[in-house]
Amino acid sequence: MRVQDIMDASHPFLYVGELATKARAVLRSRGSRILPVLDERKRLVGMISRGDVMAITSSISPIRVEGIMSKPRFVATLDMDVFHAVREMIRLDEWYISVVKSSQDYTYMGVLGLENFIGTFLEKDIPKLTRPLSEIMSTEVITCSPEDEVDNIWRLMQERSFAGLPVVSRGKLIGIVTQKNLLDSGVIFPAFEAKRGRFKAPPKISSVMKAPVVSLRPTAELREAAELMLKKNIGRVPIVDREGRLVGMVDREDIVRALL
């Protein structure tokens, strides 16, 4: 199976000279997690993530895409073996990579996401999909409180490369906060612009978190978590016990590792 067989050829992109505020608008409206950046000949030159645009506070910011984009750490080609590409994505902790025509021709062709790989396996009836989540979930989960300040949690997400954190109160799961929640709400921590863009009193996580949150039990099957992630377009599912206490977390990487 080749990358071209399962990639998303319609994934949105931006040109290098466009405004960073456009990147933020596209990420919000399309629900995308990354945006490839192209030159005038449609060759891949960079990539922008949600974390990158969270630093832009003003709707009229003059910052250009090239000012916040990063160089892709890994790029797939159309004829690359899917399993090779996905293993490299897991190694680098990348959920999405850009796809170019060939190693000699960097013409942009689309994006390969972990969900494309997961979706391919969901169409097949394989034993691995029946494994209980208790066998693959992460049990050492970093959490936050509804009283935590957004600024501090944003910094934590940036420092630890977290895309989302469960919100726990008195040991029980009450919500989840993701980069998408922060991006959609406009409650962000500015890094590029003037201090006048800072909040006088940083809001609390309770004001931006998503609640109630979709969760599963440890006895649920891998297939159920995978289907839920793709149907809801979410990256992770908290795992709770009968009393609603958080006991683990399963994300797309956990699913892919189990399938590999």
C-alpha atoms as a PDB file:
ATOM      1  CA  MET A   1       0.000   0.000   0.000  1.00  0.00           C
ATOM      2  CA  ARG A   2       1.399   3.382  -1.058  1.00  0.00           C
ATOM      3  CA  VAL A   3       0.919   6.820   0.459  1.00  0.00           C
ATOM      4  CA  GLN A   4      -1.021   7.991  -2.601  1.00  0.00           C
ATOM      5  CA  ASP A   5      -3.622   5.266  -1.916  1.00  0.00           C
ATOM      6  CA  ILE A   6      -4.832   6.722   1.392  1.00  0.00           C
ATOM      7  CA  MET A   7      -3.642  10.369   1.594  1.00  0.00           C
ATOM      8  CA  ASP A   8      -5.959  13.383   1.611  1.00  0.00           C
ATOM      9  CA  ALA A   9      -5.438  15.117  -1.741  1.00  0.00           C
ATOM     10  CA  SER A  10      -7.915  17.910  -0.898  1.00  0.00           C
ATOM     11  CA  HIS A  11      -6.242  19.133   2.301  1.00  0.00           C
ATOM     12  CA  PRO A  12      -6.074  22.971   2.400  1.00  0.00           C
ATOM     13  CA  PHE A  13      -2.773  24.824   2.038  1.00  0.00           C
ATOM     14  CA  LEU A  14      -1.393  28.376   2.030  1.00  0.00           C
ATOM     15  CA  TYR A  15       1.124  30.302  -0.008  1.00  0.00           C
ATOM     16  CA  VAL A  16       4.228  31.638   1.684  1.00  0.00           C
ATOM     17  CA  GLY A  17       3.319  35.325   1.273  1.00  0.00           C
ATOM     18  CA  GLU A  18      -0.176  35.138   2.766  1.00  0.00           C
ATOM     19  CA  LEU A  19      -1.082  36.578   6.155  1.00  0.00           C
ATOM     20  CA  ALA A  20      -0.784  34.413   9.256  1.00  0.00           C
ATOM     21  CA  THR A  21      -4.289  35.529  10.239  1.00  0.00           C
ATOM     22  CA  LYS A  22      -5.570  33.676   7.173  1.00  0.00           C
ATOM     23  CA  ALA A  23      -3.887  30.532   8.478  1.00  0.00           C
ATOM     24  CA  ARG A  24      -5.734  30.931  11.751  1.00  0.00           C
ATOM     25  CA  ALA A  25      -9.047  31.456   9.951  1.00  0.00           C
ATOM     26  CA  VAL A  26      -8.556  28.357   7.781  1.00  0.00           C
ATOM     27  CA  LEU A  27      -7.571  26.180  10.734  1.00  0.00           C
ATOM     28  CA  ARG A  28     -10.667  27.330  12.605  1.00  0.00           C
ATOM     29  CA  SER A  29     -13.142  26.922   9.758  1.00  0.00           C
ATOM     30  CA  ARG A  30     -11.818  23.652   8.337  1.00  0.00           C
ATOM     31  CA  GLY A  31     -10.988  21.950  11.610  1.00  0.00           C
ATOM     32  CA  SER A  32      -7.526  21.147  10.238  1.00  0.00           C
ATOM     33  CA  ARG A  33      -4.511  20.643  12.478  1.00  0.00           C
ATOM     34  CA  ILE A  34      -1.781  21.628  10.011  1.00  0.00           C
ATOM     35  CA  LEU A  35      -1.445  23.693   6.846  1.00  0.00           C
ATOM     36  CA  PRO A  36       1.290  23.035   4.284  1.00  0.00           C
ATOM     37  CA  VAL A  37       2.956  26.212   2.989  1.00  0.00           C
ATOM     38  CA  LEU A  38       3.825  26.452  -0.716  1.00  0.00           C
ATOM     39  CA  ASP A  39       5.835  28.772  -2.937  1.00  0.00           C
ATOM     40  CA  GLU A  40       4.485  30.323  -6.136  1.00  0.00           C
ATOM     41  CA  ARG A  41       5.244  27.101  -8.052  1.00  0.00           C
ATOM     42  CA  LYS A  42       3.260  25.008  -5.541  1.00  0.00           C
ATOM     43  CA  ARG A  43       6.376  23.429  -4.088  1.00  0.00           C
ATOM     44  CA  LEU A  44       6.348  22.609  -0.383  1.00  0.00           C
ATOM     45  CA  VAL A  45       8.467  25.009   1.690  1.00  0.00           C
ATOM     46  CA  GLY A  46       7.049  24.761   5.206  1.00  0.00           C
ATOM     47  CA  MET A  47       4.204  23.902   7.526  1.00  0.00           C
ATOM     48  CA  ILE A  48       1.999  25.690  10.048  1.00  0.00           C
ATOM     49  CA  SER A  49       0.296  24.045  13.027  1.00  0.00           C
ATOM     50  CA  ARG A  50      -2.387  25.176  15.455  1.00  0.00           C
ATOM     51  CA  GLY A  51       0.321  25.890  17.999  1.00  0.00           C
ATOM     52  CA  ASP A  52       2.013  28.263  15.585  1.00  0.00           C
ATOM     53  CA  VAL A  53      -1.071  30.410  14.989  1.00  0.00           C
ATOM     54  CA  MET A  54      -2.050  30.487  18.667  1.00  0.00           C
ATOM     55  CA  ALA A  55       0.592  33.197  19.045  1.00  0.00           C
ATOM     56  CA  ILE A  56      -1.308  35.567  16.738  1.00  0.00           C
ATOM     57  CA  THR A  57      -3.819  37.650  18.688  1.00  0.00           C
ATOM     58  CA  SER A  58      -4.876  40.447  16.356  1.00  0.00           C
ATOM     59  CA  SER A  59      -7.263  39.951  13.436  1.00  0.00           C
ATOM     60  CA  ILE A  60      -5.241  42.529  11.495  1.00  0.00           C
ATOM     61  CA  SER A  61      -1.751  41.284  12.355  1.00  0.00           C
ATOM     62  CA  PRO A  62       0.798  42.034   9.586  1.00  0.00           C
ATOM     63  CA  ILE A  63       2.728  38.827  10.265  1.00  0.00           C
ATOM     64  CA  ARG A  64       3.138  36.661   7.183  1.00  0.00           C
ATOM     65  CA  VAL A  65       2.934  32.883   6.967  1.00  0.00           C
ATOM     66  CA  GLU A  66       6.686  32.673   6.403  1.00  0.00           C
ATOM     67  CA  GLY A  67       7.223  34.350   9.783  1.00  0.00           C
ATOM     68  CA  ILE A  68       5.648  31.533  11.782  1.00  0.00           C
ATOM     69  CA  MET A  69       6.027  28.435   9.606  1.00  0.00           C
ATOM     70  CA  SER A  70       8.483  25.666  10.401  1.00  0.00           C
ATOM     71  CA  LYS A  71      10.446  23.302   8.178  1.00  0.00           C
ATOM     72  CA  PRO A  72       8.833  19.849   7.930  1.00  0.00           C
ATOM     73  CA  ARG A  73      10.845  17.184   9.775  1.00  0.00           C
ATOM     74  CA  PHE A  74       9.581  14.470   7.478  1.00  0.00           C
ATOM     75  CA  VAL A  75       7.895  14.528   4.077  1.00  0.00           C
ATOM     76  CA  ALA A  76       6.314  11.561   2.297  1.00  0.00           C
ATOM     77  CA  THR A  77       6.294  10.893  -1.425  1.00  0.00           C
ATOM     78  CA  LEU A  78       3.445   9.456  -3.467  1.00  0.00           C
ATOM     79  CA  ASP A  79       5.071   6.063  -3.939  1.00  0.00           C
ATOM     80  CA  MET A  80       6.362   5.679  -0.372  1.00  0.00           C
ATOM     81  CA  ASP A  81       5.227   2.585   1.527  1.00  0.00           C
ATOM     82  CA  VAL A  82       2.477   3.583   3.974  1.00  0.00           C
ATOM     83  CA  PHE A  83       3.849   1.488   6.828  1.00  0.00           C
ATOM     84  CA  HIS A  84       7.272   3.098   6.482  1.00  0.00           C
ATOM     85  CA  ALA A  85       5.723   6.571   6.460  1.00  0.00           C
ATOM     86  CA  VAL A  86       3.509   5.932   9.475  1.00  0.00           C
ATOM     87  CA  ARG A  87       6.311   4.363  11.523  1.00  0.00           C
ATOM     88  CA  GLU A  88       8.409   7.460  10.895  1.00  0.00           C
ATOM     89  CA  MET A  89       5.483   9.686  11.882  1.00  0.00           C
ATOM     90  CA  ILE A  90       5.163   7.819  15.183  1.00  0.00           C
ATOM     91  CA  ARG A  91       8.893   8.066  15.809  1.00  0.00           C
ATOM     92  CA  LEU A  92       8.807  11.826  15.285  1.00  0.00           C
ATOM     93  CA  ASP A  93       5.480  12.313  17.110  1.00  0.00           C
ATOM     94  CA  GLU A  94       3.891  13.773  13.976  1.00  0.00           C
ATOM     95  CA  TRP A  95       0.172  13.157  13.381  1.00  0.00           C
ATOM     96  CA  TYR A  96       0.258  14.762   9.917  1.00  0.00           C
ATOM     97  CA  ILE A  97       2.861  15.053   7.192  1.00  0.00           C
ATOM     98  CA  SER A  98       2.847  16.692   3.787  1.00  0.00           C
ATOM     99  CA  VAL A  99       3.073  14.581   0.637  1.00  0.00           C
ATOM    100  CA  VAL A 100       5.088  15.658  -2.401  1.00  0.00           C
ATOM    101  CA  LYS A 101       5.359  14.175  -5.882  1.00  0.00           C
ATOM    102  CA  SER A 102       8.828  12.668  -5.423  1.00  0.00           C
ATOM    103  CA  SER A 103      12.122  13.120  -3.598  1.00  0.00           C
ATOM    104  CA  GLN A 104      13.321  15.199  -6.566  1.00  0.00           C
ATOM    105  CA  ASP A 105      10.061  17.063  -7.177  1.00  0.00           C
ATOM    106  CA  TYR A 106       8.628  18.846  -4.104  1.00  0.00           C
ATOM    107  CA  THR A 107       5.336  19.722  -5.793  1.00  0.00           C
ATOM    108  CA  TYR A 108       2.649  19.517  -3.101  1.00  0.00           C
ATOM    109  CA  MET A 109       0.205  16.618  -3.548  1.00  0.00           C
ATOM    110  CA  GLY A 110      -1.662  16.326  -0.232  1.00  0.00           C
ATOM    111  CA  VAL A 111      -1.443  15.346   3.430  1.00  0.00           C
ATOM    112  CA  LEU A 112      -1.135  11.982   5.162  1.00  0.00           C
ATOM    113  CA  GLY A 113      -2.739  11.854   8.606  1.00  0.00           C
ATOM    114  CA  LEU A 114      -2.830   9.082  11.163  1.00  0.00           C
ATOM    115  CA  GLU A 115      -6.605   8.999  10.704  1.00  0.00           C
ATOM    116  CA  ASN A 116      -6.117   7.975   7.064  1.00  0.00           C
ATOM    117  CA  PHE A 117      -4.160   4.954   8.269  1.00  0.00           C
ATOM    118  CA  ILE A 118      -6.676   4.170  11.022  1.00  0.00           C
ATOM    119  CA  GLY A 119      -9.616   4.483   8.643  1.00  0.00           C
ATOM    120  CA  THR A 120      -8.060   1.976   6.261  1.00  0.00           C
ATOM    121  CA  PHE A 121      -7.862  -0.633   9.025  1.00  0.00           C
ATOM    122  CA  LEU A 122     -11.400   0.031  10.232  1.00  0.00           C
ATOM    123  CA  GLU A 123     -12.632  -1.192   6.862  1.00  0.00           C
ATOM    124  CA  LYS A 124     -11.029  -4.569   7.591  1.00  0.00           C
ATOM    125  CA  ASP A 125     -12.090  -7.155  10.148  1.00  0.00           C
ATOM    126  CA  ILE A 126      -8.803  -7.841  11.923  1.00  0.00           C
ATOM    127  CA  PRO A 127      -8.301  -9.293  15.440  1.00  0.00           C
ATOM    128  CA  LYS A 128      -6.242  -6.310  16.598  1.00  0.00           C
ATOM    129  CA  LEU A 129      -9.367  -4.137  16.554  1.00  0.00           C
ATOM    130  CA  THR A 130     -10.922  -6.209  19.354  1.00  0.00           C
ATOM    131  CA  ARG A 131      -8.142  -5.548  21.881  1.00  0.00           C
ATOM    132  CA  PRO A 132      -9.390  -3.882  25.092  1.00  0.00           C
ATOM    133  CA  LEU A 133      -8.275  -0.303  25.645  1.00  0.00           C
ATOM    134  CA  SER A 134      -6.770  -1.327  28.990  1.00  0.00           C
ATOM    135  CA  GLU A 135      -3.956  -2.979  27.004  1.00  0.00           C
ATOM    136  CA  ILE A 136      -2.966   0.109  25.015  1.00  0.00           C
ATOM    137  CA  MET A 137      -3.980   3.136  27.095  1.00  0.00           C
ATOM    138  CA  SER A 138      -1.495   5.462  28.764  1.00  0.00           C
ATOM    139  CA  THR A 139      -1.959   5.410  32.538  1.00  0.00           C
ATOM    140  CA  GLU A 140       0.443   8.203  33.505  1.00  0.00           C
ATOM    141  CA  VAL A 141      -1.718  11.094  32.325  1.00  0.00           C
ATOM    142  CA  ILE A 142      -0.930  14.782  32.811  1.00  0.00           C
ATOM    143  CA  THR A 143      -4.109  16.620  33.801  1.00  0.00           C
ATOM    144  CA  CYS A 144      -5.189  20.146  34.621  1.00  0.00           C
ATOM    145  CA  SER A 145      -7.751  21.732  36.921  1.00  0.00           C
ATOM    146  CA  PRO A 146     -10.708  23.933  35.942  1.00  0.00           C
ATOM    147  CA  GLU A 147      -9.108  26.631  38.115  1.00  0.00           C
ATOM    148  CA  ASP A 148      -5.790  26.626  36.257  1.00  0.00           C
ATOM    149  CA  GLU A 149      -5.014  29.765  34.277  1.00  0.00           C
ATOM    150  CA  VAL A 150      -5.148  29.415  30.498  1.00  0.00           C
ATOM    151  CA  ASP A 151      -1.741  31.077  30.083  1.00  0.00           C
ATOM    152  CA  ASN A 152      -0.050  28.433  32.227  1.00  0.00           C
ATOM    153  CA  ILE A 153      -1.733  25.499  30.505  1.00  0.00           C
ATOM    154  CA  TRP A 154      -0.912  26.963  27.097  1.00  0.00           C
ATOM    155  CA  ARG A 155       2.762  27.125  28.099  1.00  0.00           C
ATOM    156  CA  LEU A 156       2.601  23.535  29.337  1.00  0.00           C
ATOM    157  CA  MET A 157       1.131  22.400  26.029  1.00  0.00           C
ATOM    158  CA  GLN A 158       3.898  24.185  24.125  1.00  0.00           C
ATOM    159  CA  GLU A 159       6.713  22.882  26.338  1.00  0.00           C
ATOM    160  CA  ARG A 160       5.492  19.263  26.407  1.00  0.00           C
ATOM    161  CA  SER A 161       4.026  19.145  22.878  1.00  0.00           C
ATOM    162  CA  PHE A 162       0.558  18.362  24.209  1.00  0.00           C
ATOM    163  CA  ALA A 163      -2.415  18.941  21.926  1.00  0.00           C
ATOM    164  CA  GLY A 164      -4.957  18.382  24.683  1.00  0.00           C
ATOM    165  CA  LEU A 165      -5.308  17.780  28.414  1.00  0.00           C
ATOM    166  CA  PRO A 166      -8.106  16.192  30.463  1.00  0.00           C
ATOM    167  CA  VAL A 167      -9.617  18.445  33.111  1.00  0.00           C
ATOM    168  CA  VAL A 168     -10.032  16.762  36.473  1.00  0.00           C
ATOM    169  CA  SER A 169     -11.720  17.908  39.672  1.00  0.00           C
ATOM    170  CA  ARG A 170     -11.627  15.828  42.857  1.00  0.00           C
ATOM    171  CA  GLY A 171     -10.285  12.906  40.903  1.00  0.00           C
ATOM    172  CA  LYS A 172     -13.115  12.827  38.392  1.00  0.00           C
ATOM    173  CA  LEU A 173     -13.043  13.760  34.717  1.00  0.00           C
ATOM    174  CA  ILE A 174     -15.141  16.872  34.089  1.00  0.00           C
ATOM    175  CA  GLY A 175     -13.884  18.077  30.697  1.00  0.00           C
ATOM    176  CA  ILE A 176     -11.046  18.373  28.233  1.00  0.00           C
ATOM    177  CA  VAL A 177      -9.105  21.328  26.851  1.00  0.00           C
ATOM    178  CA  THR A 178      -7.363  21.188  23.486  1.00  0.00           C
ATOM    179  CA  GLN A 179      -5.450  23.533  21.226  1.00  0.00           C
ATOM    180  CA  LYS A 180      -8.591  23.718  19.124  1.00  0.00           C
ATOM    181  CA  ASN A 181     -10.602  24.947  22.127  1.00  0.00           C
ATOM    182  CA  LEU A 182      -8.025  27.666  22.764  1.00  0.00           C
ATOM    183  CA  LEU A 183      -7.843  28.607  19.098  1.00  0.00           C
ATOM    184  CA  ASP A 184     -11.616  28.754  18.659  1.00  0.00           C
ATOM    185  CA  SER A 185     -12.148  30.782  21.823  1.00  0.00           C
ATOM    186  CA  GLY A 186      -9.472  33.369  21.027  1.00  0.00           C
ATOM    187  CA  VAL A 187      -8.084  32.932  24.535  1.00  0.00           C
ATOM    188  CA  ILE A 188      -4.414  32.578  23.614  1.00  0.00           C
ATOM    189  CA  PHE A 189      -1.009  33.503  24.908  1.00  0.00           C
ATOM    190  CA  PRO A 190       0.671  36.001  22.529  1.00  0.00           C
ATOM    191  CA  ALA A 191       4.307  35.474  21.681  1.00  0.00           C
ATOM    192  CA  PHE A 192       4.884  37.721  18.653  1.00  0.00           C
ATOM    193  CA  GLU A 193       2.874  40.818  19.385  1.00  0.00           C
ATOM    194  CA  ALA A 194       2.899  43.664  21.867  1.00  0.00           C
ATOM    195  CA  LYS A 195       2.043  43.316  25.546  1.00  0.00           C
ATOM    196  CA  ARG A 196      -1.120  45.298  24.979  1.00  0.00           C
ATOM    197  CA  GLY A 197      -2.520  42.058  23.572  1.00  0.00           C
ATOM    198  CA  ARG A 198      -2.131  40.304  26.936  1.00  0.00           C
ATOM    199  CA  PHE A 199      -5.083  39.632  29.197  1.00  0.00           C
ATOM    200  CA  LYS A 200      -5.137  41.687  32.393  1.00  0.00           C
ATOM    201  CA  ALA A 201      -6.497  38.698  34.287  1.00  0.00           C
ATOM    202  CA  PRO A 202      -5.850  35.392  32.504  1.00  0.00           C
ATOM    203  CA  PRO A 203      -9.082  33.377  32.183  1.00  0.00           C
ATOM    204  CA  LYS A 204      -9.490  29.967  33.787  1.00  0.00           C
ATOM    205  CA  ILE A 205      -9.564  26.627  32.017  1.00  0.00           C
ATOM    206  CA  SER A 206     -13.216  26.265  33.071  1.00  0.00           C
ATOM    207  CA  SER A 207     -14.096  29.050  30.603  1.00  0.00           C
ATOM    208  CA  VAL A 208     -12.630  27.293  27.548  1.00  0.00           C
ATOM    209  CA  MET A 209     -12.764  23.552  28.263  1.00  0.00           C
ATOM    210  CA  LYS A 210     -15.196  21.250  26.504  1.00  0.00           C
ATOM    211  CA  ALA A 211     -17.765  19.585  28.742  1.00  0.00           C
ATOM    212  CA  PRO A 212     -19.246  17.060  28.942  1.00  0.00           C
ATOM    213  CA  VAL A 213     -16.450  15.045  27.390  1.00  0.00           C
ATOM    214  CA  VAL A 214     -16.743  11.804  25.441  1.00  0.00           C
ATOM    215  CA  SER A 215     -15.052   8.951  27.318  1.00  0.00           C
ATOM    216  CA  LEU A 216     -14.805   5.168  27.260  1.00  0.00           C
ATOM    217  CA  ARG A 217     -14.294   2.362  29.757  1.00  0.00           C
ATOM    218  CA  PRO A 218     -11.083   0.269  29.913  1.00  0.00           C
ATOM    219  CA  THR A 219     -13.027  -2.749  28.660  1.00  0.00           C
ATOM    220  CA  ALA A 220     -14.069  -1.024  25.416  1.00  0.00           C
ATOM    221  CA  GLU A 221     -12.435  -2.325  22.258  1.00  0.00           C
ATOM    222  CA  LEU A 222      -9.808  -0.585  20.163  1.00  0.00           C
ATOM    223  CA  ARG A 223     -12.289  -0.422  17.294  1.00  0.00           C
ATOM    224  CA  GLU A 224     -14.724   1.631  19.376  1.00  0.00           C
ATOM    225  CA  ALA A 225     -12.091   4.230  20.255  1.00  0.00           C
ATOM    226  CA  ALA A 226     -10.870   4.423  16.653  1.00  0.00           C
ATOM    227  CA  GLU A 227     -14.378   4.889  15.272  1.00  0.00           C
ATOM    228  CA  LEU A 228     -15.114   7.554  17.876  1.00  0.00           C
ATOM    229  CA  MET A 229     -11.968   9.514  17.030  1.00  0.00           C
ATOM    230  CA  LEU A 230     -12.735   9.558  13.328  1.00  0.00           C
ATOM    231  CA  LYS A 231     -16.466  10.255  13.711  1.00  0.00           C
ATOM    232  CA  LYS A 232     -15.958  13.129  16.166  1.00  0.00           C
ATOM    233  CA  ASN A 233     -12.644  14.318  14.646  1.00  0.00           C
ATOM    234  CA  ILE A 234     -10.946  14.134  18.035  1.00  0.00           C
ATOM    235  CA  GLY A 235      -7.380  13.150  18.762  1.00  0.00           C
ATOM    236  CA  ARG A 236      -7.773  11.437  22.113  1.00  0.00           C
ATOM    237  CA  VAL A 237     -10.320   9.691  24.323  1.00  0.00           C
ATOM    238  CA  PRO A 238     -10.168   9.720  28.150  1.00  0.00           C
ATOM    239  CA  ILE A 239     -10.665   6.334  29.820  1.00  0.00           C
ATOM    240  CA  VAL A 240     -12.692   6.326  33.050  1.00  0.00           C
ATOM    241  CA  ASP A 241     -13.848   3.754  35.607  1.00  0.00           C
ATOM    242  CA  ARG A 242     -17.414   3.164  36.836  1.00  0.00           C
ATOM    243  CA  GLU A 243     -17.220   6.186  39.166  1.00  0.00           C
ATOM    244  CA  GLY A 244     -16.024   8.546  36.456  1.00  0.00           C
ATOM    245  CA  ARG A 245     -12.446   8.654  37.696  1.00  0.00           C
ATOM    246  CA  LEU A 246      -9.786   9.129  35.035  1.00  0.00           C
ATOM    247  CA  VAL A 247      -7.689   5.966  34.727  1.00  0.00           C
ATOM    248  CA  GLY A 248      -6.022   6.454  31.346  1.00  0.00           C
ATOM    249  CA  MET A 249      -5.926   8.076  27.945  1.00  0.00           C
ATOM    250  CA  VAL A 250      -5.908   6.692  24.408  1.00  0.00           C
ATOM    251  CA  ASP A 251      -4.836   8.869  21.482  1.00  0.00           C
ATOM    252  CA  ARG A 252      -4.334   8.293  17.773  1.00  0.00           C
ATOM    253  CA  GLU A 253      -0.722   7.280  18.251  1.00  0.00           C
ATOM    254  CA  ASP A 254      -1.776   4.544  20.690  1.00  0.00           C
ATOM    255  CA  ILE A 255      -4.244   3.217  18.114  1.00  0.00           C
ATOM    256  CA  VAL A 256      -1.682   3.277  15.314  1.00  0.00           C
ATOM    257  CA  ARG A 257       0.995   1.576  17.429  1.00  0.00           C
ATOM    258  CA  ALA A 258      -1.443  -1.232  18.207  1.00  0.00           C
ATOM    259  CA  LEU A 259      -2.284  -1.636  14.513  1.00  0.00           C
ATOM    260  CA  LEU A 260       1.380  -1.641  13.490  1.00  0.00           C
END
